[in-house]
Amino acid sequence: MRIIDRRETQELLKRYGVRPKRHWGQNFLVSPRVLRRIVAAADIKPDETILEIGGGLGALTFALAQRAKRVIVYERETGLCRALDDLSGVSPNIEVRCTDARGIRNADLPSKPYRFIANLPYGVGTVVLRTLLTHQRTPKETLVMLQRDVAERIRAAPPRLNLLAIAIQSLAEPQILFRIPARATWPAPKVESVCIRLSPKRPRMAPEAYRALLALARTGFAHPRKKLAGNLARVFGKEAVAKAFARCRIEEQVRAQELSLSQWHCLTRNLPRV
């Protein structure tokens, strides 16, 4: 396993002309212990294909490549791409793609089953997750580092349900595996991270139903301190909302964050498409 500590990270960044961009959420993993825990949790098989986004200097990339058949790594920072290209010369099963993964298309993803494992840049973490989970070629499992507060929002339940939780939990089951202290990355962020696993739900929700659910949820959460019935009545009318609430066994006084995920799905089926 290629271990890059804090000192070596700083030296490599200087060599490749890279300054960490806080607005991109660039935090490089410098803890051998955390790296080993992520790799152990991944339990990679020799015939697997791994997708990684935000490869950085390649600490996780190299560890993945030692175990998997193929690693596809995305990195948009030019200097870091050069570092990963140098690494791919040592490990030929690493394929480096120097582009912004936020624009990743379904056709760009592996045609065969793959897993998504990454130390996600804080600035794009939720965007990347939602993009991959909604593509037709979705990963068979996701294992990523995220800010602890974002991960807790993803796995939230009533009375703290939120739009992000509805978006992710409708497609995958989240499980926080372990916490990662700020000092495990450099530059050290002001918040803790966690390692979170997302296991796709089967059968998969139909794309049309998923879009309808998110549109309805955005309407419901438009004024989260107000009652949900009032928020929805502005769009669907009081009578239609009252009927839908009765069918879904929802109390009239409830607020958006107090509904269960199944109740949101029920409302989607019983109200017109937004």
C-alpha atoms as a PDB file:
ATOM      1  CA  MET A   1       0.000   0.000   0.000  1.00  0.00           C
ATOM      2  CA  ARG A   2       1.380   3.412  -0.969  1.00  0.00           C
ATOM      3  CA  ILE A   3       1.241   5.587   2.144  1.00  0.00           C
ATOM      4  CA  ILE A   4       1.540   9.349   1.666  1.00  0.00           C
ATOM      5  CA  ASP A   5       1.939  11.190   4.972  1.00  0.00           C
ATOM      6  CA  ARG A   6       1.524  14.904   5.559  1.00  0.00           C
ATOM      7  CA  ARG A   7       5.117  15.799   4.801  1.00  0.00           C
ATOM      8  CA  GLU A   8       5.233  13.811   1.567  1.00  0.00           C
ATOM      9  CA  THR A   9       1.860  15.239   0.546  1.00  0.00           C
ATOM     10  CA  GLN A  10       3.197  18.766   0.903  1.00  0.00           C
ATOM     11  CA  GLU A  11       6.359  17.871  -1.032  1.00  0.00           C
ATOM     12  CA  LEU A  12       4.410  16.248  -3.869  1.00  0.00           C
ATOM     13  CA  LEU A  13       1.996  19.150  -4.138  1.00  0.00           C
ATOM     14  CA  LYS A  14       4.957  21.509  -4.428  1.00  0.00           C
ATOM     15  CA  ARG A  15       6.591  19.280  -7.057  1.00  0.00           C
ATOM     16  CA  TYR A  16       3.465  19.242  -9.208  1.00  0.00           C
ATOM     17  CA  GLY A  17       2.700  22.930  -8.679  1.00  0.00           C
ATOM     18  CA  VAL A  18      -0.564  22.434  -6.805  1.00  0.00           C
ATOM     19  CA  ARG A  19      -2.024  24.559  -4.040  1.00  0.00           C
ATOM     20  CA  PRO A  20      -5.031  23.002  -2.279  1.00  0.00           C
ATOM     21  CA  LYS A  21      -8.217  24.864  -3.192  1.00  0.00           C
ATOM     22  CA  ARG A  22     -10.507  25.183  -0.206  1.00  0.00           C
ATOM     23  CA  HIS A  23     -13.412  26.299  -2.414  1.00  0.00           C
ATOM     24  CA  TRP A  24     -13.096  22.944  -4.194  1.00  0.00           C
ATOM     25  CA  GLY A  25     -12.991  21.144  -0.866  1.00  0.00           C
ATOM     26  CA  GLN A  26      -9.574  19.606  -1.546  1.00  0.00           C
ATOM     27  CA  ASN A  27      -8.370  17.682   1.504  1.00  0.00           C
ATOM     28  CA  PHE A  28      -5.737  15.003   0.962  1.00  0.00           C
ATOM     29  CA  LEU A  29      -5.828  11.793   2.971  1.00  0.00           C
ATOM     30  CA  VAL A  30      -2.621  11.571   5.044  1.00  0.00           C
ATOM     31  CA  SER A  31      -3.569   8.941   7.638  1.00  0.00           C
ATOM     32  CA  PRO A  32      -2.310   5.385   6.981  1.00  0.00           C
ATOM     33  CA  ARG A  33      -4.778   4.062   9.563  1.00  0.00           C
ATOM     34  CA  VAL A  34      -7.802   5.645   7.858  1.00  0.00           C
ATOM     35  CA  LEU A  35      -6.609   4.510   4.443  1.00  0.00           C
ATOM     36  CA  ARG A  36      -6.336   0.928   5.702  1.00  0.00           C
ATOM     37  CA  ARG A  37      -9.822   1.106   7.241  1.00  0.00           C
ATOM     38  CA  ILE A  38     -11.363   2.327   3.976  1.00  0.00           C
ATOM     39  CA  VAL A  39      -9.639  -0.400   1.975  1.00  0.00           C
ATOM     40  CA  ALA A  40     -10.704  -3.047   4.503  1.00  0.00           C
ATOM     41  CA  ALA A  41     -14.316  -1.840   4.415  1.00  0.00           C
ATOM     42  CA  ALA A  42     -14.266  -1.939   0.607  1.00  0.00           C
ATOM     43  CA  ASP A  43     -13.267  -5.614   0.564  1.00  0.00           C
ATOM     44  CA  ILE A  44     -12.299  -5.404  -3.115  1.00  0.00           C
ATOM     45  CA  LYS A  45     -12.268  -8.556  -5.233  1.00  0.00           C
ATOM     46  CA  PRO A  46      -9.532  -9.141  -7.881  1.00  0.00           C
ATOM     47  CA  ASP A  47     -11.998  -9.087 -10.798  1.00  0.00           C
ATOM     48  CA  GLU A  48     -13.694  -5.792  -9.873  1.00  0.00           C
ATOM     49  CA  THR A  49     -13.778  -2.432 -11.630  1.00  0.00           C
ATOM     50  CA  ILE A  50     -13.582   0.614  -9.356  1.00  0.00           C
ATOM     51  CA  LEU A  51     -14.577   4.196 -10.146  1.00  0.00           C
ATOM     52  CA  GLU A  52     -12.862   6.922  -8.118  1.00  0.00           C
ATOM     53  CA  ILE A  53     -13.562  10.655  -8.298  1.00  0.00           C
ATOM     54  CA  GLY A  54     -11.095  13.169  -6.918  1.00  0.00           C
ATOM     55  CA  GLY A  55      -7.981  10.993  -7.094  1.00  0.00           C
ATOM     56  CA  GLY A  56      -5.672  13.667  -5.713  1.00  0.00           C
ATOM     57  CA  LEU A  57      -2.116  12.385  -5.331  1.00  0.00           C
ATOM     58  CA  GLY A  58      -3.221   8.787  -5.670  1.00  0.00           C
ATOM     59  CA  ALA A  59      -2.925   7.398  -2.123  1.00  0.00           C
ATOM     60  CA  LEU A  60      -6.341   5.717  -2.299  1.00  0.00           C
ATOM     61  CA  THR A  61      -6.027   5.140  -6.060  1.00  0.00           C
ATOM     62  CA  PHE A  62      -2.890   3.030  -5.664  1.00  0.00           C
ATOM     63  CA  ALA A  63      -4.405   1.019  -2.807  1.00  0.00           C
ATOM     64  CA  LEU A  64      -7.460   0.280  -4.946  1.00  0.00           C
ATOM     65  CA  ALA A  65      -5.333  -0.642  -7.960  1.00  0.00           C
ATOM     66  CA  GLN A  66      -3.383  -3.177  -5.917  1.00  0.00           C
ATOM     67  CA  ARG A  67      -6.601  -5.112  -5.320  1.00  0.00           C
ATOM     68  CA  ALA A  68      -8.927  -4.451  -8.263  1.00  0.00           C
ATOM     69  CA  LYS A  69      -8.707  -5.449 -11.909  1.00  0.00           C
ATOM     70  CA  ARG A  70      -9.295  -1.869 -13.114  1.00  0.00           C
ATOM     71  CA  VAL A  71      -9.479   1.590 -11.535  1.00  0.00           C
ATOM     72  CA  ILE A  72     -10.974   4.548 -13.405  1.00  0.00           C
ATOM     73  CA  VAL A  73     -10.050   7.790 -11.646  1.00  0.00           C
ATOM     74  CA  TYR A  74     -11.355  11.291 -12.384  1.00  0.00           C
ATOM     75  CA  GLU A  75      -9.365  14.406 -11.451  1.00  0.00           C
ATOM     76  CA  ARG A  76      -9.891  17.927 -12.797  1.00  0.00           C
ATOM     77  CA  GLU A  77      -6.778  19.609 -11.283  1.00  0.00           C
ATOM     78  CA  THR A  78      -4.064  19.672 -13.975  1.00  0.00           C
ATOM     79  CA  GLY A  79      -1.139  19.189 -11.597  1.00  0.00           C
ATOM     80  CA  LEU A  80      -2.818  16.302  -9.809  1.00  0.00           C
ATOM     81  CA  CYS A  81      -3.576  14.707 -13.160  1.00  0.00           C
ATOM     82  CA  ARG A  82       0.143  14.681 -13.885  1.00  0.00           C
ATOM     83  CA  ALA A  83       0.761  13.005 -10.536  1.00  0.00           C
ATOM     84  CA  LEU A  84      -1.867  10.350 -11.331  1.00  0.00           C
ATOM     85  CA  ASP A  85      -0.450   9.846 -14.832  1.00  0.00           C
ATOM     86  CA  ASP A  86       2.939   9.149 -13.247  1.00  0.00           C
ATOM     87  CA  LEU A  87       1.250   6.683 -10.892  1.00  0.00           C
ATOM     88  CA  SER A  88      -0.495   4.916 -13.788  1.00  0.00           C
ATOM     89  CA  GLY A  89       2.945   4.253 -15.254  1.00  0.00           C
ATOM     90  CA  VAL A  90       3.638   2.136 -12.170  1.00  0.00           C
ATOM     91  CA  SER A  91       0.166   0.545 -12.092  1.00  0.00           C
ATOM     92  CA  PRO A  92      -1.094   0.016 -15.665  1.00  0.00           C
ATOM     93  CA  ASN A  93      -4.584  -0.952 -14.450  1.00  0.00           C
ATOM     94  CA  ILE A  94      -5.177   2.717 -13.516  1.00  0.00           C
ATOM     95  CA  GLU A  95      -7.030   4.803 -16.137  1.00  0.00           C
ATOM     96  CA  VAL A  96      -6.788   8.545 -15.498  1.00  0.00           C
ATOM     97  CA  ARG A  97      -9.491  10.889 -16.833  1.00  0.00           C
ATOM     98  CA  CYS A  98      -8.545  14.538 -16.488  1.00  0.00           C
ATOM     99  CA  THR A  99     -11.963  16.141 -16.509  1.00  0.00           C
ATOM    100  CA  ASP A 100     -14.679  17.421 -14.173  1.00  0.00           C
ATOM    101  CA  ALA A 101     -16.728  14.442 -12.979  1.00  0.00           C
ATOM    102  CA  ARG A 102     -19.771  16.626 -12.378  1.00  0.00           C
ATOM    103  CA  GLY A 103     -20.403  16.361 -16.118  1.00  0.00           C
ATOM    104  CA  ILE A 104     -20.069  12.588 -16.205  1.00  0.00           C
ATOM    105  CA  ARG A 105     -22.501  10.931 -18.616  1.00  0.00           C
ATOM    106  CA  ASN A 106     -24.032   7.486 -18.508  1.00  0.00           C
ATOM    107  CA  ALA A 107     -21.920   6.504 -21.518  1.00  0.00           C
ATOM    108  CA  ASP A 108     -18.753   7.445 -19.595  1.00  0.00           C
ATOM    109  CA  LEU A 109     -19.452   4.852 -16.899  1.00  0.00           C
ATOM    110  CA  PRO A 110     -18.344   1.210 -17.051  1.00  0.00           C
ATOM    111  CA  SER A 111     -20.768  -1.000 -18.969  1.00  0.00           C
ATOM    112  CA  LYS A 112     -20.192  -3.870 -16.537  1.00  0.00           C
ATOM    113  CA  PRO A 113     -20.980  -3.755 -12.770  1.00  0.00           C
ATOM    114  CA  TYR A 114     -18.611  -1.501 -10.858  1.00  0.00           C
ATOM    115  CA  ARG A 115     -18.174   0.030  -7.422  1.00  0.00           C
ATOM    116  CA  PHE A 116     -17.656   3.690  -6.572  1.00  0.00           C
ATOM    117  CA  ILE A 117     -15.010   4.338  -3.889  1.00  0.00           C
ATOM    118  CA  ALA A 118     -13.596   7.798  -3.212  1.00  0.00           C
ATOM    119  CA  ASN A 119     -12.466  10.527  -0.865  1.00  0.00           C
ATOM    120  CA  LEU A 120     -14.919  12.973  -2.376  1.00  0.00           C
ATOM    121  CA  PRO A 121     -13.973  16.658  -2.587  1.00  0.00           C
ATOM    122  CA  TYR A 122     -16.283  18.461  -0.179  1.00  0.00           C
ATOM    123  CA  GLY A 123     -17.371  20.971  -2.812  1.00  0.00           C
ATOM    124  CA  VAL A 124     -18.903  18.397  -5.169  1.00  0.00           C
ATOM    125  CA  GLY A 125     -19.729  15.404  -2.973  1.00  0.00           C
ATOM    126  CA  THR A 126     -23.534  15.520  -3.008  1.00  0.00           C
ATOM    127  CA  VAL A 127     -23.665  16.529  -6.687  1.00  0.00           C
ATOM    128  CA  VAL A 128     -21.519  13.551  -7.680  1.00  0.00           C
ATOM    129  CA  LEU A 129     -23.526  11.115  -5.550  1.00  0.00           C
ATOM    130  CA  ARG A 130     -26.859  12.188  -6.995  1.00  0.00           C
ATOM    131  CA  THR A 131     -25.459  12.122 -10.531  1.00  0.00           C
ATOM    132  CA  LEU A 132     -24.140   8.566 -10.221  1.00  0.00           C
ATOM    133  CA  LEU A 133     -27.187   7.214  -8.399  1.00  0.00           C
ATOM    134  CA  THR A 134     -29.570   8.525 -11.061  1.00  0.00           C
ATOM    135  CA  HIS A 135     -27.645   7.273 -14.091  1.00  0.00           C
ATOM    136  CA  GLN A 136     -28.735   4.020 -15.689  1.00  0.00           C
ATOM    137  CA  ARG A 137     -25.255   2.569 -15.064  1.00  0.00           C
ATOM    138  CA  THR A 138     -25.371   3.168 -11.336  1.00  0.00           C
ATOM    139  CA  PRO A 139     -22.646   1.631  -9.103  1.00  0.00           C
ATOM    140  CA  LYS A 140     -23.467  -1.658  -7.429  1.00  0.00           C
ATOM    141  CA  GLU A 141     -22.095  -0.136  -4.206  1.00  0.00           C
ATOM    142  CA  THR A 142     -20.747   3.230  -3.100  1.00  0.00           C
ATOM    143  CA  LEU A 143     -18.169   3.756  -0.347  1.00  0.00           C
ATOM    144  CA  VAL A 144     -17.026   7.348   0.126  1.00  0.00           C
ATOM    145  CA  MET A 145     -15.569   9.870   2.552  1.00  0.00           C
ATOM    146  CA  LEU A 146     -17.932  12.793   3.202  1.00  0.00           C
ATOM    147  CA  GLN A 147     -18.299  15.578   5.729  1.00  0.00           C
ATOM    148  CA  ARG A 148     -19.970  14.179   8.824  1.00  0.00           C
ATOM    149  CA  ASP A 149     -22.793  16.735   8.763  1.00  0.00           C
ATOM    150  CA  VAL A 150     -23.605  15.934   5.115  1.00  0.00           C
ATOM    151  CA  ALA A 151     -23.598  12.182   5.807  1.00  0.00           C
ATOM    152  CA  GLU A 152     -25.932  12.694   8.764  1.00  0.00           C
ATOM    153  CA  ARG A 153     -28.277  14.712   6.553  1.00  0.00           C
ATOM    154  CA  ILE A 154     -28.248  11.864   4.028  1.00  0.00           C
ATOM    155  CA  ARG A 155     -29.317   9.285   6.614  1.00  0.00           C
ATOM    156  CA  ALA A 156     -31.756  11.591   8.458  1.00  0.00           C
ATOM    157  CA  ALA A 157     -35.189  10.348   9.506  1.00  0.00           C
ATOM    158  CA  PRO A 158     -38.347  12.112  10.757  1.00  0.00           C
ATOM    159  CA  PRO A 159     -38.598  14.607  12.366  1.00  0.00           C
ATOM    160  CA  ARG A 160     -35.378  15.752  10.638  1.00  0.00           C
ATOM    161  CA  LEU A 161     -36.004  14.467   7.135  1.00  0.00           C
ATOM    162  CA  ASN A 162     -34.729  16.776   4.383  1.00  0.00           C
ATOM    163  CA  LEU A 163     -34.519  17.055   0.605  1.00  0.00           C
ATOM    164  CA  LEU A 164     -31.081  15.447   0.403  1.00  0.00           C
ATOM    165  CA  ALA A 165     -32.205  12.474   2.518  1.00  0.00           C
ATOM    166  CA  ILE A 166     -35.269  11.970   0.306  1.00  0.00           C
ATOM    167  CA  ALA A 167     -33.144  12.187  -2.854  1.00  0.00           C
ATOM    168  CA  ILE A 168     -30.535   9.662  -1.694  1.00  0.00           C
ATOM    169  CA  GLN A 169     -32.626   7.286   0.424  1.00  0.00           C
ATOM    170  CA  SER A 170     -35.122   6.801  -2.399  1.00  0.00           C
ATOM    171  CA  LEU A 171     -32.325   5.191  -4.414  1.00  0.00           C
ATOM    172  CA  ALA A 172     -29.923   3.727  -1.822  1.00  0.00           C
ATOM    173  CA  GLU A 173     -29.673   2.620   1.787  1.00  0.00           C
ATOM    174  CA  PRO A 174     -27.072   4.727   3.674  1.00  0.00           C
ATOM    175  CA  GLN A 175     -24.860   3.337   6.445  1.00  0.00           C
ATOM    176  CA  ILE A 176     -22.207   5.377   8.265  1.00  0.00           C
ATOM    177  CA  LEU A 177     -19.301   3.014   8.935  1.00  0.00           C
ATOM    178  CA  PHE A 178     -16.875   5.109  10.981  1.00  0.00           C
ATOM    179  CA  ARG A 179     -15.788   8.656  11.787  1.00  0.00           C
ATOM    180  CA  ILE A 180     -12.653  10.241  10.361  1.00  0.00           C
ATOM    181  CA  PRO A 181     -10.960  13.023  12.369  1.00  0.00           C
ATOM    182  CA  ALA A 182     -10.057  16.277  10.649  1.00  0.00           C
ATOM    183  CA  ARG A 183      -6.336  15.633  11.234  1.00  0.00           C
ATOM    184  CA  ALA A 184      -6.537  12.566   8.934  1.00  0.00           C
ATOM    185  CA  THR A 185      -6.533  14.913   5.943  1.00  0.00           C
ATOM    186  CA  TRP A 186      -4.452  17.899   4.908  1.00  0.00           C
ATOM    187  CA  PRO A 187      -5.196  20.752   4.925  1.00  0.00           C
ATOM    188  CA  ALA A 188      -7.285  19.805   7.944  1.00  0.00           C
ATOM    189  CA  PRO A 189     -10.901  20.930   7.479  1.00  0.00           C
ATOM    190  CA  LYS A 190     -12.929  22.492  10.260  1.00  0.00           C
ATOM    191  CA  VAL A 191     -15.267  19.508  10.385  1.00  0.00           C
ATOM    192  CA  GLU A 192     -15.047  15.754  10.864  1.00  0.00           C
ATOM    193  CA  SER A 193     -15.601  13.330   8.014  1.00  0.00           C
ATOM    194  CA  VAL A 194     -17.106   9.856   7.911  1.00  0.00           C
ATOM    195  CA  CYS A 195     -16.900   6.809   5.709  1.00  0.00           C
ATOM    196  CA  ILE A 196     -20.398   6.057   4.403  1.00  0.00           C
ATOM    197  CA  ARG A 197     -21.713   3.123   2.390  1.00  0.00           C
ATOM    198  CA  LEU A 198     -24.648   3.437  -0.014  1.00  0.00           C
ATOM    199  CA  SER A 199     -26.289   0.194  -1.132  1.00  0.00           C
ATOM    200  CA  PRO A 200     -28.689   0.543  -4.109  1.00  0.00           C
ATOM    201  CA  LYS A 201     -32.331  -0.301  -3.481  1.00  0.00           C
ATOM    202  CA  ARG A 202     -33.976  -2.976  -5.605  1.00  0.00           C
ATOM    203  CA  PRO A 203     -36.163  -2.749  -7.533  1.00  0.00           C
ATOM    204  CA  ARG A 204     -34.905   0.610  -8.649  1.00  0.00           C
ATOM    205  CA  MET A 205     -37.329   3.537  -8.613  1.00  0.00           C
ATOM    206  CA  ALA A 206     -38.523   4.521 -12.090  1.00  0.00           C
ATOM    207  CA  PRO A 207     -36.884   7.779 -13.331  1.00  0.00           C
ATOM    208  CA  GLU A 208     -40.258   9.468 -13.948  1.00  0.00           C
ATOM    209  CA  ALA A 209     -41.474   8.641 -10.452  1.00  0.00           C
ATOM    210  CA  TYR A 210     -38.183   9.840  -8.966  1.00  0.00           C
ATOM    211  CA  ARG A 211     -38.392  13.189 -10.745  1.00  0.00           C
ATOM    212  CA  ALA A 212     -41.997  13.584  -9.598  1.00  0.00           C
ATOM    213  CA  LEU A 213     -41.012  12.796  -6.011  1.00  0.00           C
ATOM    214  CA  LEU A 214     -38.249  15.423  -5.977  1.00  0.00           C
ATOM    215  CA  ALA A 215     -40.495  18.060  -7.543  1.00  0.00           C
ATOM    216  CA  LEU A 216     -43.164  17.382  -4.916  1.00  0.00           C
ATOM    217  CA  ALA A 217     -40.608  17.409  -2.082  1.00  0.00           C
ATOM    218  CA  ARG A 218     -39.192  20.752  -3.235  1.00  0.00           C
ATOM    219  CA  THR A 219     -42.705  22.183  -3.095  1.00  0.00           C
ATOM    220  CA  GLY A 220     -43.286  20.715   0.346  1.00  0.00           C
ATOM    221  CA  PHE A 221     -40.002  22.018   1.756  1.00  0.00           C
ATOM    222  CA  ALA A 222     -40.367  25.486   0.211  1.00  0.00           C
ATOM    223  CA  HIS A 223     -41.399  26.817   3.652  1.00  0.00           C
ATOM    224  CA  PRO A 224     -40.259  24.137   6.138  1.00  0.00           C
ATOM    225  CA  ARG A 225     -41.541  25.997   9.210  1.00  0.00           C
ATOM    226  CA  LYS A 226     -45.048  26.052   7.809  1.00  0.00           C
ATOM    227  CA  LYS A 227     -47.481  23.169   7.697  1.00  0.00           C
ATOM    228  CA  LEU A 228     -47.025  20.852   4.743  1.00  0.00           C
ATOM    229  CA  ALA A 229     -50.714  20.972   3.801  1.00  0.00           C
ATOM    230  CA  GLY A 230     -50.513  24.728   3.289  1.00  0.00           C
ATOM    231  CA  ASN A 231     -47.355  24.496   1.170  1.00  0.00           C
ATOM    232  CA  LEU A 232     -48.896  21.877  -1.090  1.00  0.00           C
ATOM    233  CA  ALA A 233     -52.330  23.528  -1.271  1.00  0.00           C
ATOM    234  CA  ARG A 234     -50.768  26.522  -3.034  1.00  0.00           C
ATOM    235  CA  VAL A 235     -50.020  24.225  -5.969  1.00  0.00           C
ATOM    236  CA  PHE A 236     -52.617  21.434  -5.821  1.00  0.00           C
ATOM    237  CA  GLY A 237     -55.540  23.011  -3.977  1.00  0.00           C
ATOM    238  CA  LYS A 238     -56.895  22.206  -0.518  1.00  0.00           C
ATOM    239  CA  GLU A 239     -59.304  19.477  -1.638  1.00  0.00           C
ATOM    240  CA  ALA A 240     -56.712  17.430  -3.552  1.00  0.00           C
ATOM    241  CA  VAL A 241     -54.236  17.708  -0.674  1.00  0.00           C
ATOM    242  CA  ALA A 242     -56.840  16.671   1.909  1.00  0.00           C
ATOM    243  CA  LYS A 243     -57.724  13.558  -0.131  1.00  0.00           C
ATOM    244  CA  ALA A 244     -54.059  12.636  -0.588  1.00  0.00           C
ATOM    245  CA  PHE A 245     -53.384  13.109   3.148  1.00  0.00           C
ATOM    246  CA  ALA A 246     -56.303  10.812   3.995  1.00  0.00           C
ATOM    247  CA  ARG A 247     -55.087   8.079   1.616  1.00  0.00           C
ATOM    248  CA  CYS A 248     -51.539   8.303   2.983  1.00  0.00           C
ATOM    249  CA  ARG A 249     -52.652   8.557   6.627  1.00  0.00           C
ATOM    250  CA  ILE A 250     -50.943  11.900   7.183  1.00  0.00           C
ATOM    251  CA  GLU A 251     -52.039  14.258   9.943  1.00  0.00           C
ATOM    252  CA  GLU A 252     -53.191  17.704   8.853  1.00  0.00           C
ATOM    253  CA  GLN A 253     -50.794  19.575  11.190  1.00  0.00           C
ATOM    254  CA  VAL A 254     -47.620  17.847  10.014  1.00  0.00           C
ATOM    255  CA  ARG A 255     -44.586  19.649   8.573  1.00  0.00           C
ATOM    256  CA  ALA A 256     -42.485  18.447   5.647  1.00  0.00           C
ATOM    257  CA  GLN A 257     -39.583  17.137   7.730  1.00  0.00           C
ATOM    258  CA  GLU A 258     -41.931  15.052   9.922  1.00  0.00           C
ATOM    259  CA  LEU A 259     -43.133  12.759   7.130  1.00  0.00           C
ATOM    260  CA  SER A 260     -41.558   9.356   6.555  1.00  0.00           C
ATOM    261  CA  LEU A 261     -39.995   8.479   3.227  1.00  0.00           C
ATOM    262  CA  SER A 262     -42.840   6.063   2.491  1.00  0.00           C
ATOM    263  CA  GLN A 263     -45.387   8.837   3.102  1.00  0.00           C
ATOM    264  CA  TRP A 264     -43.578  11.078   0.602  1.00  0.00           C
ATOM    265  CA  HIS A 265     -43.759   8.262  -1.927  1.00  0.00           C
ATOM    266  CA  CYS A 266     -47.453   7.837  -1.174  1.00  0.00           C
ATOM    267  CA  LEU A 267     -48.112  11.543  -1.739  1.00  0.00           C
ATOM    268  CA  THR A 268     -46.274  11.359  -5.060  1.00  0.00           C
ATOM    269  CA  ARG A 269     -48.648   8.621  -6.199  1.00  0.00           C
ATOM    270  CA  ASN A 270     -51.753  10.475  -5.003  1.00  0.00           C
ATOM    271  CA  LEU A 271     -51.105  14.027  -6.200  1.00  0.00           C
ATOM    272  CA  PRO A 272     -50.844  15.285  -9.794  1.00  0.00           C
ATOM    273  CA  ARG A 273     -47.328  15.657 -11.238  1.00  0.00           C
ATOM    274  CA  VAL A 274     -45.900  19.140 -10.604  1.00  0.00           C
END
